[in-house]
ModelCIF file with pLDDT and N, C-alpha, C, O atoms, coordinates in Angstrom:
data_MODEL
#
_entry.id   MODEL 
#
_entity.id                         1 
_entity.type                       polymer 
_entity.pdbx_number_of_molecules   1 
#
_entity_poly.entity_id                      1 
_entity_poly.type                           'polypeptide(L)' 
_entity_poly.nstd_linkage                   no 
_entity_poly.nstd_monomer                   no 
_entity_poly.pdbx_seq_one_letter_code       SMIAASLGHQAGSASAAVADLVAELGLPRTLRDVGVSRTDFRTIAR 
_entity_poly.pdbx_seq_one_letter_code_can   SMIAASLGHQAGSASAAVADLVAELGLPRTLRDVGVSRTDFRTIAR 
_entity_poly.pdbx_strand_id                 A 
#
loop_
_entity_poly_seq.entity_id 
_entity_poly_seq.num 
_entity_poly_seq.mon_id 
_entity_poly_seq.hetero 
1 1  SER n 
1 2  MET n 
1 3  ILE n 
1 4  ALA n 
1 5  ALA n 
1 6  SER n 
1 7  LEU n 
1 8  GLY n 
1 9  HIS n 
1 10 GLN n 
1 11 ALA n 
1 12 GLY n 
1 13 SER n 
1 14 ALA n 
1 15 SER n 
1 16 ALA n 
1 17 ALA n 
1 18 VAL n 
1 19 ALA n 
1 20 ASP n 
1 21 LEU n 
1 22 VAL n 
1 23 ALA n 
1 24 GLU n 
1 25 LEU n 
1 26 GLY n 
1 27 LEU n 
1 28 PRO n 
1 29 ARG n 
1 30 THR n 
1 31 LEU n 
1 32 ARG n 
1 33 ASP n 
1 34 VAL n 
1 35 GLY n 
1 36 VAL n 
1 37 SER n 
1 38 ARG n 
1 39 THR n 
1 40 ASP n 
1 41 PHE n 
1 42 ARG n 
1 43 THR n 
1 44 ILE n 
1 45 ALA n 
1 46 ARG n 
#
_struct_asym.id          A 
_struct_asym.entity_id   1 
#
loop_
_ma_qa_metric.id 
_ma_qa_metric.mode 
_ma_qa_metric.name 
_ma_qa_metric.software_group_id 
_ma_qa_metric.type 
1 global pLDDT . pLDDT 
2 local  pLDDT . pLDDT 
#
_ma_qa_metric_global.metric_id      1 
_ma_qa_metric_global.metric_value   94.78 
_ma_qa_metric_global.model_id       1 
_ma_qa_metric_global.ordinal_id     1 
#
loop_
_ma_qa_metric_local.label_asym_id 
_ma_qa_metric_local.label_comp_id 
_ma_qa_metric_local.label_seq_id 
_ma_qa_metric_local.metric_id 
_ma_qa_metric_local.metric_value 
_ma_qa_metric_local.model_id 
_ma_qa_metric_local.ordinal_id 
A SER 1  2 94.00 1 1  
A MET 2  2 95.00 1 2  
A ILE 3  2 95.00 1 3  
A ALA 4  2 95.00 1 4  
A ALA 5  2 94.00 1 5  
A SER 6  2 94.00 1 6  
A LEU 7  2 94.00 1 7  
A GLY 8  2 92.00 1 8  
A HIS 9  2 89.00 1 9  
A GLN 10 2 83.00 1 10 
A ALA 11 2 81.00 1 11 
A GLY 12 2 81.00 1 12 
A SER 13 2 93.00 1 13 
A ALA 14 2 96.00 1 14 
A SER 15 2 96.00 1 15 
A ALA 16 2 95.00 1 16 
A ALA 17 2 96.00 1 17 
A VAL 18 2 97.00 1 18 
A ALA 19 2 96.00 1 19 
A ASP 20 2 95.00 1 20 
A LEU 21 2 95.00 1 21 
A VAL 22 2 96.00 1 22 
A ALA 23 2 95.00 1 23 
A GLU 24 2 95.00 1 24 
A LEU 25 2 97.00 1 25 
A GLY 26 2 96.00 1 26 
A LEU 27 2 97.00 1 27 
A PRO 28 2 96.00 1 28 
A ARG 29 2 95.00 1 29 
A THR 30 2 97.00 1 30 
A LEU 31 2 98.00 1 31 
A ARG 32 2 96.00 1 32 
A ASP 33 2 96.00 1 33 
A VAL 34 2 97.00 1 34 
A GLY 35 2 97.00 1 35 
A VAL 36 2 97.00 1 36 
A SER 37 2 97.00 1 37 
A ARG 38 2 96.00 1 38 
A THR 39 2 97.00 1 39 
A ASP 40 2 97.00 1 40 
A PHE 41 2 98.00 1 41 
A ARG 42 2 97.00 1 42 
A THR 43 2 97.00 1 43 
A ILE 44 2 97.00 1 44 
A ALA 45 2 97.00 1 45 
A ARG 46 2 96.00 1 46 
#
loop_
_atom_site.group_PDB 
_atom_site.id 
_atom_site.type_symbol 
_atom_site.label_atom_id 
_atom_site.label_alt_id 
_atom_site.label_comp_id 
_atom_site.label_asym_id 
_atom_site.label_entity_id 
_atom_site.label_seq_id 
_atom_site.pdbx_PDB_ins_code 
_atom_site.Cartn_x 
_atom_site.Cartn_y 
_atom_site.Cartn_z 
_atom_site.occupancy 
_atom_site.B_iso_or_equiv 
_atom_site.pdbx_formal_charge 
_atom_site.auth_seq_id 
_atom_site.auth_comp_id 
_atom_site.auth_asym_id 
_atom_site.auth_atom_id 
_atom_site.pdbx_PDB_model_num 
ATOM 1   N N  . SER A 1 1  ? 103.837 125.404 110.624 1.00 94.00 ? 1  SER A N  1 
ATOM 2   C CA . SER A 1 1  ? 104.356 125.191 111.986 1.00 94.00 ? 1  SER A CA 1 
ATOM 3   C C  . SER A 1 1  ? 103.403 124.312 112.788 1.00 94.00 ? 1  SER A C  1 
ATOM 4   O O  . SER A 1 1  ? 103.841 123.447 113.548 1.00 94.00 ? 1  SER A O  1 
ATOM 5   N N  . MET A 1 2  ? 102.110 124.531 112.621 1.00 95.00 ? 2  MET A N  1 
ATOM 6   C CA . MET A 1 2  ? 101.116 123.708 113.324 1.00 95.00 ? 2  MET A CA 1 
ATOM 7   C C  . MET A 1 2  ? 101.179 122.260 112.849 1.00 95.00 ? 2  MET A C  1 
ATOM 8   O O  . MET A 1 2  ? 101.065 121.335 113.653 1.00 95.00 ? 2  MET A O  1 
ATOM 9   N N  . ILE A 1 3  ? 101.357 122.068 111.565 1.00 95.00 ? 3  ILE A N  1 
ATOM 10  C CA . ILE A 1 3  ? 101.462 120.707 111.021 1.00 95.00 ? 3  ILE A CA 1 
ATOM 11  C C  . ILE A 1 3  ? 102.705 120.020 111.571 1.00 95.00 ? 3  ILE A C  1 
ATOM 12  O O  . ILE A 1 3  ? 102.645 118.875 112.019 1.00 95.00 ? 3  ILE A O  1 
ATOM 13  N N  . ALA A 1 4  ? 103.834 120.729 111.532 1.00 95.00 ? 4  ALA A N  1 
ATOM 14  C CA . ALA A 1 4  ? 105.080 120.151 112.049 1.00 95.00 ? 4  ALA A CA 1 
ATOM 15  C C  . ALA A 1 4  ? 104.932 119.761 113.510 1.00 95.00 ? 4  ALA A C  1 
ATOM 16  O O  . ALA A 1 4  ? 105.338 118.669 113.908 1.00 95.00 ? 4  ALA A O  1 
ATOM 17  N N  . ALA A 1 5  ? 104.352 120.649 114.312 1.00 94.00 ? 5  ALA A N  1 
ATOM 18  C CA . ALA A 1 5  ? 104.175 120.373 115.735 1.00 94.00 ? 5  ALA A CA 1 
ATOM 19  C C  . ALA A 1 5  ? 103.253 119.175 115.954 1.00 94.00 ? 5  ALA A C  1 
ATOM 20  O O  . ALA A 1 5  ? 103.501 118.347 116.830 1.00 94.00 ? 5  ALA A O  1 
ATOM 21  N N  . SER A 1 6  ? 102.193 119.088 115.158 1.00 94.00 ? 6  SER A N  1 
ATOM 22  C CA . SER A 1 6  ? 101.255 117.977 115.337 1.00 94.00 ? 6  SER A CA 1 
ATOM 23  C C  . SER A 1 6  ? 101.889 116.637 114.957 1.00 94.00 ? 6  SER A C  1 
ATOM 24  O O  . SER A 1 6  ? 101.427 115.581 115.390 1.00 94.00 ? 6  SER A O  1 
ATOM 25  N N  . LEU A 1 7  ? 102.943 116.687 114.150 1.00 94.00 ? 7  LEU A N  1 
ATOM 26  C CA . LEU A 1 7  ? 103.654 115.466 113.776 1.00 94.00 ? 7  LEU A CA 1 
ATOM 27  C C  . LEU A 1 7  ? 104.901 115.249 114.626 1.00 94.00 ? 7  LEU A C  1 
ATOM 28  O O  . LEU A 1 7  ? 105.735 114.398 114.319 1.00 94.00 ? 7  LEU A O  1 
ATOM 29  N N  . GLY A 1 8  ? 105.018 116.034 115.705 1.00 92.00 ? 8  GLY A N  1 
ATOM 30  C CA . GLY A 1 8  ? 106.113 115.844 116.652 1.00 92.00 ? 8  GLY A CA 1 
ATOM 31  C C  . GLY A 1 8  ? 107.412 116.532 116.291 1.00 92.00 ? 8  GLY A C  1 
ATOM 32  O O  . GLY A 1 8  ? 108.453 116.217 116.867 1.00 92.00 ? 8  GLY A O  1 
ATOM 33  N N  . HIS A 1 9  ? 107.379 117.451 115.367 1.00 89.00 ? 9  HIS A N  1 
ATOM 34  C CA . HIS A 1 9  ? 108.568 118.201 114.948 1.00 89.00 ? 9  HIS A CA 1 
ATOM 35  C C  . HIS A 1 9  ? 108.442 119.647 115.420 1.00 89.00 ? 9  HIS A C  1 
ATOM 36  O O  . HIS A 1 9  ? 108.175 120.541 114.616 1.00 89.00 ? 9  HIS A O  1 
ATOM 37  N N  . GLN A 1 10 ? 108.626 119.874 116.679 1.00 83.00 ? 10 GLN A N  1 
ATOM 38  C CA . GLN A 1 10 ? 108.440 121.209 117.245 1.00 83.00 ? 10 GLN A CA 1 
ATOM 39  C C  . GLN A 1 10 ? 109.323 122.259 116.567 1.00 83.00 ? 10 GLN A C  1 
ATOM 40  O O  . GLN A 1 10 ? 108.868 123.368 116.285 1.00 83.00 ? 10 GLN A O  1 
ATOM 41  N N  . ALA A 1 11 ? 110.570 121.911 116.309 1.00 81.00 ? 11 ALA A N  1 
ATOM 42  C CA . ALA A 1 11 ? 111.495 122.896 115.751 1.00 81.00 ? 11 ALA A CA 1 
ATOM 43  C C  . ALA A 1 11 ? 111.754 122.666 114.264 1.00 81.00 ? 11 ALA A C  1 
ATOM 44  O O  . ALA A 1 11 ? 112.487 123.433 113.639 1.00 81.00 ? 11 ALA A O  1 
ATOM 45  N N  . GLY A 1 12 ? 111.167 121.630 113.698 1.00 81.00 ? 12 GLY A N  1 
ATOM 46  C CA . GLY A 1 12 ? 111.448 121.295 112.311 1.00 81.00 ? 12 GLY A CA 1 
ATOM 47  C C  . GLY A 1 12 ? 110.411 121.852 111.361 1.00 81.00 ? 12 GLY A C  1 
ATOM 48  O O  . GLY A 1 12 ? 109.464 122.529 111.762 1.00 81.00 ? 12 GLY A O  1 
ATOM 49  N N  . SER A 1 13 ? 110.612 121.553 110.106 1.00 93.00 ? 13 SER A N  1 
ATOM 50  C CA . SER A 1 13 ? 109.672 122.023 109.086 1.00 93.00 ? 13 SER A CA 1 
ATOM 51  C C  . SER A 1 13 ? 108.569 120.990 108.856 1.00 93.00 ? 13 SER A C  1 
ATOM 52  O O  . SER A 1 13 ? 108.743 119.797 109.108 1.00 93.00 ? 13 SER A O  1 
ATOM 53  N N  . ALA A 1 14 ? 107.447 121.478 108.375 1.00 96.00 ? 14 ALA A N  1 
ATOM 54  C CA . ALA A 1 14 ? 106.340 120.581 108.069 1.00 96.00 ? 14 ALA A CA 1 
ATOM 55  C C  . ALA A 1 14 ? 106.714 119.632 106.936 1.00 96.00 ? 14 ALA A C  1 
ATOM 56  O O  . ALA A 1 14 ? 106.339 118.460 106.954 1.00 96.00 ? 14 ALA A O  1 
ATOM 57  N N  . SER A 1 15 ? 107.447 120.133 105.961 1.00 96.00 ? 15 SER A N  1 
ATOM 58  C CA . SER A 1 15 ? 107.822 119.261 104.850 1.00 96.00 ? 15 SER A CA 1 
ATOM 59  C C  . SER A 1 15 ? 108.713 118.116 105.327 1.00 96.00 ? 15 SER A C  1 
ATOM 60  O O  . SER A 1 15 ? 108.574 116.985 104.863 1.00 96.00 ? 15 SER A O  1 
ATOM 61  N N  . ALA A 1 16 ? 109.626 118.407 106.251 1.00 95.00 ? 16 ALA A N  1 
ATOM 62  C CA . ALA A 1 16 ? 110.484 117.344 106.805 1.00 95.00 ? 16 ALA A CA 1 
ATOM 63  C C  . ALA A 1 16 ? 109.662 116.379 107.649 1.00 95.00 ? 16 ALA A C  1 
ATOM 64  O O  . ALA A 1 16 ? 109.911 115.173 107.628 1.00 95.00 ? 16 ALA A O  1 
ATOM 65  N N  . ALA A 1 17 ? 108.690 116.893 108.389 1.00 96.00 ? 17 ALA A N  1 
ATOM 66  C CA . ALA A 1 17 ? 107.849 116.041 109.216 1.00 96.00 ? 17 ALA A CA 1 
ATOM 67  C C  . ALA A 1 17 ? 107.039 115.076 108.347 1.00 96.00 ? 17 ALA A C  1 
ATOM 68  O O  . ALA A 1 17 ? 106.925 113.893 108.668 1.00 96.00 ? 17 ALA A O  1 
ATOM 69  N N  . VAL A 1 18 ? 106.482 115.580 107.256 1.00 97.00 ? 18 VAL A N  1 
ATOM 70  C CA . VAL A 1 18 ? 105.710 114.724 106.361 1.00 97.00 ? 18 VAL A CA 1 
ATOM 71  C C  . VAL A 1 18 ? 106.637 113.738 105.643 1.00 97.00 ? 18 VAL A C  1 
ATOM 72  O O  . VAL A 1 18 ? 106.277 112.577 105.448 1.00 97.00 ? 18 VAL A O  1 
ATOM 73  N N  . ALA A 1 19 ? 107.822 114.196 105.252 1.00 96.00 ? 19 ALA A N  1 
ATOM 74  C CA . ALA A 1 19 ? 108.793 113.302 104.610 1.00 96.00 ? 19 ALA A CA 1 
ATOM 75  C C  . ALA A 1 19 ? 109.174 112.161 105.549 1.00 96.00 ? 19 ALA A C  1 
ATOM 76  O O  . ALA A 1 19 ? 109.311 111.016 105.118 1.00 96.00 ? 19 ALA A O  1 
ATOM 77  N N  . ASP A 1 20 ? 109.344 112.472 106.823 1.00 95.00 ? 20 ASP A N  1 
ATOM 78  C CA . ASP A 1 20 ? 109.648 111.433 107.808 1.00 95.00 ? 20 ASP A CA 1 
ATOM 79  C C  . ASP A 1 20 ? 108.496 110.437 107.928 1.00 95.00 ? 20 ASP A C  1 
ATOM 80  O O  . ASP A 1 20 ? 108.723 109.230 108.022 1.00 95.00 ? 20 ASP A O  1 
ATOM 81  N N  . LEU A 1 21 ? 107.274 110.935 107.925 1.00 95.00 ? 21 LEU A N  1 
ATOM 82  C CA . LEU A 1 21 ? 106.103 110.065 107.993 1.00 95.00 ? 21 LEU A CA 1 
ATOM 83  C C  . LEU A 1 21 ? 106.044 109.140 106.774 1.00 95.00 ? 21 LEU A C  1 
ATOM 84  O O  . LEU A 1 21 ? 105.801 107.941 106.909 1.00 95.00 ? 21 LEU A O  1 
ATOM 85  N N  . VAL A 1 22 ? 106.265 109.698 105.599 1.00 96.00 ? 22 VAL A N  1 
ATOM 86  C CA . VAL A 1 22 ? 106.268 108.895 104.364 1.00 96.00 ? 22 VAL A CA 1 
ATOM 87  C C  . VAL A 1 22 ? 107.322 107.786 104.469 1.00 96.00 ? 22 VAL A C  1 
ATOM 88  O O  . VAL A 1 22 ? 107.071 106.636 104.109 1.00 96.00 ? 22 VAL A O  1 
ATOM 89  N N  . ALA A 1 23 ? 108.499 108.156 104.967 1.00 95.00 ? 23 ALA A N  1 
ATOM 90  C CA . ALA A 1 23 ? 109.580 107.167 105.117 1.00 95.00 ? 23 ALA A CA 1 
ATOM 91  C C  . ALA A 1 23 ? 109.189 106.077 106.124 1.00 95.00 ? 23 ALA A C  1 
ATOM 92  O O  . ALA A 1 23 ? 109.427 104.893 105.888 1.00 95.00 ? 23 ALA A O  1 
ATOM 93  N N  . GLU A 1 24 ? 108.587 106.488 107.247 1.00 95.00 ? 24 GLU A N  1 
ATOM 94  C CA . GLU A 1 24 ? 108.173 105.515 108.262 1.00 95.00 ? 24 GLU A CA 1 
ATOM 95  C C  . GLU A 1 24 ? 107.135 104.541 107.725 1.00 95.00 ? 24 GLU A C  1 
ATOM 96  O O  . GLU A 1 24 ? 107.082 103.385 108.145 1.00 95.00 ? 24 GLU A O  1 
ATOM 97  N N  . LEU A 1 25 ? 106.317 105.011 106.799 1.00 97.00 ? 25 LEU A N  1 
ATOM 98  C CA . LEU A 1 25 ? 105.285 104.157 106.206 1.00 97.00 ? 25 LEU A CA 1 
ATOM 99  C C  . LEU A 1 25 ? 105.849 103.261 105.103 1.00 97.00 ? 25 LEU A C  1 
ATOM 100 O O  . LEU A 1 25 ? 105.153 102.386 104.587 1.00 97.00 ? 25 LEU A O  1 
ATOM 101 N N  . GLY A 1 26 ? 107.107 103.485 104.751 1.00 96.00 ? 26 GLY A N  1 
ATOM 102 C CA . GLY A 1 26 ? 107.740 102.680 103.721 1.00 96.00 ? 26 GLY A CA 1 
ATOM 103 C C  . GLY A 1 26 ? 107.273 103.006 102.315 1.00 96.00 ? 26 GLY A C  1 
ATOM 104 O O  . GLY A 1 26 ? 107.376 102.175 101.413 1.00 96.00 ? 26 GLY A O  1 
ATOM 105 N N  . LEU A 1 27 ? 106.762 104.210 102.126 1.00 97.00 ? 27 LEU A N  1 
ATOM 106 C CA . LEU A 1 27 ? 106.266 104.626 100.815 1.00 97.00 ? 27 LEU A CA 1 
ATOM 107 C C  . LEU A 1 27 ? 107.395 105.254 99.998  1.00 97.00 ? 27 LEU A C  1 
ATOM 108 O O  . LEU A 1 27 ? 108.404 105.674 100.564 1.00 97.00 ? 27 LEU A O  1 
ATOM 109 N N  . PRO A 1 28 ? 107.237 105.322 98.684  1.00 96.00 ? 28 PRO A N  1 
ATOM 110 C CA . PRO A 1 28 ? 108.248 105.992 97.858  1.00 96.00 ? 28 PRO A CA 1 
ATOM 111 C C  . PRO A 1 28 ? 108.399 107.445 98.292  1.00 96.00 ? 28 PRO A C  1 
ATOM 112 O O  . PRO A 1 28 ? 107.416 108.129 98.577  1.00 96.00 ? 28 PRO A O  1 
ATOM 113 N N  . ARG A 1 29 ? 109.645 107.901 98.337  1.00 95.00 ? 29 ARG A N  1 
ATOM 114 C CA . ARG A 1 29 ? 109.900 109.257 98.851  1.00 95.00 ? 29 ARG A CA 1 
ATOM 115 C C  . ARG A 1 29 ? 110.250 110.271 97.773  1.00 95.00 ? 29 ARG A C  1 
ATOM 116 O O  . ARG A 1 29 ? 110.152 111.476 98.005  1.00 95.00 ? 29 ARG A O  1 
ATOM 117 N N  . THR A 1 30 ? 110.650 109.810 96.618  1.00 97.00 ? 30 THR A N  1 
ATOM 118 C CA . THR A 1 30 ? 111.037 110.745 95.557  1.00 97.00 ? 30 THR A CA 1 
ATOM 119 C C  . THR A 1 30 ? 110.384 110.333 94.246  1.00 97.00 ? 30 THR A C  1 
ATOM 120 O O  . THR A 1 30 ? 109.876 109.220 94.105  1.00 97.00 ? 30 THR A O  1 
ATOM 121 N N  . LEU A 1 31 ? 110.409 111.241 93.308  1.00 98.00 ? 31 LEU A N  1 
ATOM 122 C CA . LEU A 1 31 ? 109.907 110.909 91.981  1.00 98.00 ? 31 LEU A CA 1 
ATOM 123 C C  . LEU A 1 31 ? 110.781 109.844 91.328  1.00 98.00 ? 31 LEU A C  1 
ATOM 124 O O  . LEU A 1 31 ? 110.288 109.014 90.564  1.00 98.00 ? 31 LEU A O  1 
ATOM 125 N N  . ARG A 1 32 ? 112.069 109.868 91.626  1.00 96.00 ? 32 ARG A N  1 
ATOM 126 C CA . ARG A 1 32 ? 112.975 108.823 91.113  1.00 96.00 ? 32 ARG A CA 1 
ATOM 127 C C  . ARG A 1 32 ? 112.517 107.450 91.575  1.00 96.00 ? 32 ARG A C  1 
ATOM 128 O O  . ARG A 1 32 ? 112.597 106.474 90.829  1.00 96.00 ? 32 ARG A O  1 
ATOM 129 N N  . ASP A 1 33 ? 112.033 107.379 92.823  1.00 96.00 ? 33 ASP A N  1 
ATOM 130 C CA . ASP A 1 33 ? 111.599 106.097 93.394  1.00 96.00 ? 33 ASP A CA 1 
ATOM 131 C C  . ASP A 1 33 ? 110.437 105.471 92.621  1.00 96.00 ? 33 ASP A C  1 
ATOM 132 O O  . ASP A 1 33 ? 110.222 104.261 92.687  1.00 96.00 ? 33 ASP A O  1 
ATOM 133 N N  . VAL A 1 34 ? 109.696 106.295 91.895  1.00 97.00 ? 34 VAL A N  1 
ATOM 134 C CA . VAL A 1 34 ? 108.551 105.774 91.143  1.00 97.00 ? 34 VAL A CA 1 
ATOM 135 C C  . VAL A 1 34 ? 108.776 105.871 89.634  1.00 97.00 ? 34 VAL A C  1 
ATOM 136 O O  . VAL A 1 34 ? 107.835 105.779 88.846  1.00 97.00 ? 34 VAL A O  1 
ATOM 137 N N  . GLY A 1 35 ? 110.049 106.058 89.245  1.00 97.00 ? 35 GLY A N  1 
ATOM 138 C CA . GLY A 1 35 ? 110.411 105.993 87.837  1.00 97.00 ? 35 GLY A CA 1 
ATOM 139 C C  . GLY A 1 35 ? 110.193 107.238 87.010  1.00 97.00 ? 35 GLY A C  1 
ATOM 140 O O  . GLY A 1 35 ? 110.202 107.170 85.781  1.00 97.00 ? 35 GLY A O  1 
ATOM 141 N N  . VAL A 1 36 ? 109.997 108.376 87.655  1.00 97.00 ? 36 VAL A N  1 
ATOM 142 C CA . VAL A 1 36 ? 109.841 109.616 86.902  1.00 97.00 ? 36 VAL A CA 1 
ATOM 143 C C  . VAL A 1 36 ? 111.223 110.169 86.570  1.00 97.00 ? 36 VAL A C  1 
ATOM 144 O O  . VAL A 1 36 ? 112.104 110.228 87.428  1.00 97.00 ? 36 VAL A O  1 
ATOM 145 N N  . SER A 1 37 ? 111.396 110.567 85.337  1.00 97.00 ? 37 SER A N  1 
ATOM 146 C CA . SER A 1 37 ? 112.656 111.133 84.870  1.00 97.00 ? 37 SER A CA 1 
ATOM 147 C C  . SER A 1 37 ? 112.553 112.657 84.799  1.00 97.00 ? 37 SER A C  1 
ATOM 148 O O  . SER A 1 37 ? 111.472 113.211 84.601  1.00 97.00 ? 37 SER A O  1 
ATOM 149 N N  . ARG A 1 38 ? 113.669 113.307 84.962  1.00 96.00 ? 38 ARG A N  1 
ATOM 150 C CA . ARG A 1 38 ? 113.678 114.770 84.812  1.00 96.00 ? 38 ARG A CA 1 
ATOM 151 C C  . ARG A 1 38 ? 113.192 115.188 83.425  1.00 96.00 ? 38 ARG A C  1 
ATOM 152 O O  . ARG A 1 38 ? 112.618 116.265 83.264  1.00 96.00 ? 38 ARG A O  1 
ATOM 153 N N  . THR A 1 39 ? 113.419 114.352 82.443  1.00 97.00 ? 39 THR A N  1 
ATOM 154 C CA . THR A 1 39 ? 112.964 114.693 81.092  1.00 97.00 ? 39 THR A CA 1 
ATOM 155 C C  . THR A 1 39 ? 111.437 114.737 80.997  1.00 97.00 ? 39 THR A C  1 
ATOM 156 O O  . THR A 1 39 ? 110.886 115.267 80.032  1.00 97.00 ? 39 THR A O  1 
ATOM 157 N N  . ASP A 1 40 ? 110.760 114.182 81.996  1.00 97.00 ? 40 ASP A N  1 
ATOM 158 C CA . ASP A 1 40 ? 109.290 114.212 82.035  1.00 97.00 ? 40 ASP A CA 1 
ATOM 159 C C  . ASP A 1 40 ? 108.741 115.488 82.673  1.00 97.00 ? 40 ASP A C  1 
ATOM 160 O O  . ASP A 1 40 ? 107.544 115.760 82.574  1.00 97.00 ? 40 ASP A O  1 
ATOM 161 N N  . PHE A 1 41 ? 109.592 116.266 83.319  1.00 98.00 ? 41 PHE A N  1 
ATOM 162 C CA . PHE A 1 41 ? 109.123 117.411 84.094  1.00 98.00 ? 41 PHE A CA 1 
ATOM 163 C C  . PHE A 1 41 ? 108.308 118.407 83.273  1.00 98.00 ? 41 PHE A C  1 
ATOM 164 O O  . PHE A 1 41 ? 107.254 118.851 83.728  1.00 98.00 ? 41 PHE A O  1 
ATOM 165 N N  . ARG A 1 42 ? 108.764 118.766 82.091  1.00 97.00 ? 42 ARG A N  1 
ATOM 166 C CA . ARG A 1 42 ? 108.062 119.771 81.282  1.00 97.00 ? 42 ARG A CA 1 
ATOM 167 C C  . ARG A 1 42 ? 106.660 119.294 80.941  1.00 97.00 ? 42 ARG A C  1 
ATOM 168 O O  . ARG A 1 42 ? 105.707 120.066 81.039  1.00 97.00 ? 42 ARG A O  1 
ATOM 169 N N  . THR A 1 43 ? 106.518 118.050 80.548  1.00 97.00 ? 43 THR A N  1 
ATOM 170 C CA . THR A 1 43 ? 105.201 117.501 80.207  1.00 97.00 ? 43 THR A CA 1 
ATOM 171 C C  . THR A 1 43 ? 104.295 117.463 81.424  1.00 97.00 ? 43 THR A C  1 
ATOM 172 O O  . THR A 1 43 ? 103.130 117.854 81.347  1.00 97.00 ? 43 THR A O  1 
ATOM 173 N N  . ILE A 1 44 ? 104.821 116.998 82.537  1.00 97.00 ? 44 ILE A N  1 
ATOM 174 C CA . ILE A 1 44 ? 104.028 116.944 83.772  1.00 97.00 ? 44 ILE A CA 1 
ATOM 175 C C  . ILE A 1 44 ? 103.599 118.353 84.176  1.00 97.00 ? 44 ILE A C  1 
ATOM 176 O O  . ILE A 1 44 ? 102.438 118.578 84.520  1.00 97.00 ? 44 ILE A O  1 
ATOM 177 N N  . ALA A 1 45 ? 104.533 119.297 84.133  1.00 97.00 ? 45 ALA A N  1 
ATOM 178 C CA . ALA A 1 45 ? 104.238 120.673 84.549  1.00 97.00 ? 45 ALA A CA 1 
ATOM 179 C C  . ALA A 1 45 ? 103.179 121.300 83.644  1.00 97.00 ? 45 ALA A C  1 
ATOM 180 O O  . ALA A 1 45 ? 102.273 121.975 84.132  1.00 97.00 ? 45 ALA A O  1 
ATOM 181 N N  . ARG A 1 46 ? 103.282 121.088 82.348  1.00 96.00 ? 46 ARG A N  1 
ATOM 182 C CA . ARG A 1 46 ? 102.293 121.642 81.422  1.00 96.00 ? 46 ARG A CA 1 
ATOM 183 C C  . ARG A 1 46 ? 100.894 121.091 81.721  1.00 96.00 ? 46 ARG A C  1 
ATOM 184 O O  . ARG A 1 46 ? 99.931  121.447 81.041  1.00 96.00 ? 46 ARG A O  1 
#
């Protein structure tokens, strides 16, 4: 909640506030955006 408020999202979630910041910076927002496939998840997780 403190993180969300510090990023101007009084009623929102911190994850949404950070996601908005990432988008504003023009950075990749999802794993798909950087070429990660779901088939890679098990290897990455391990």
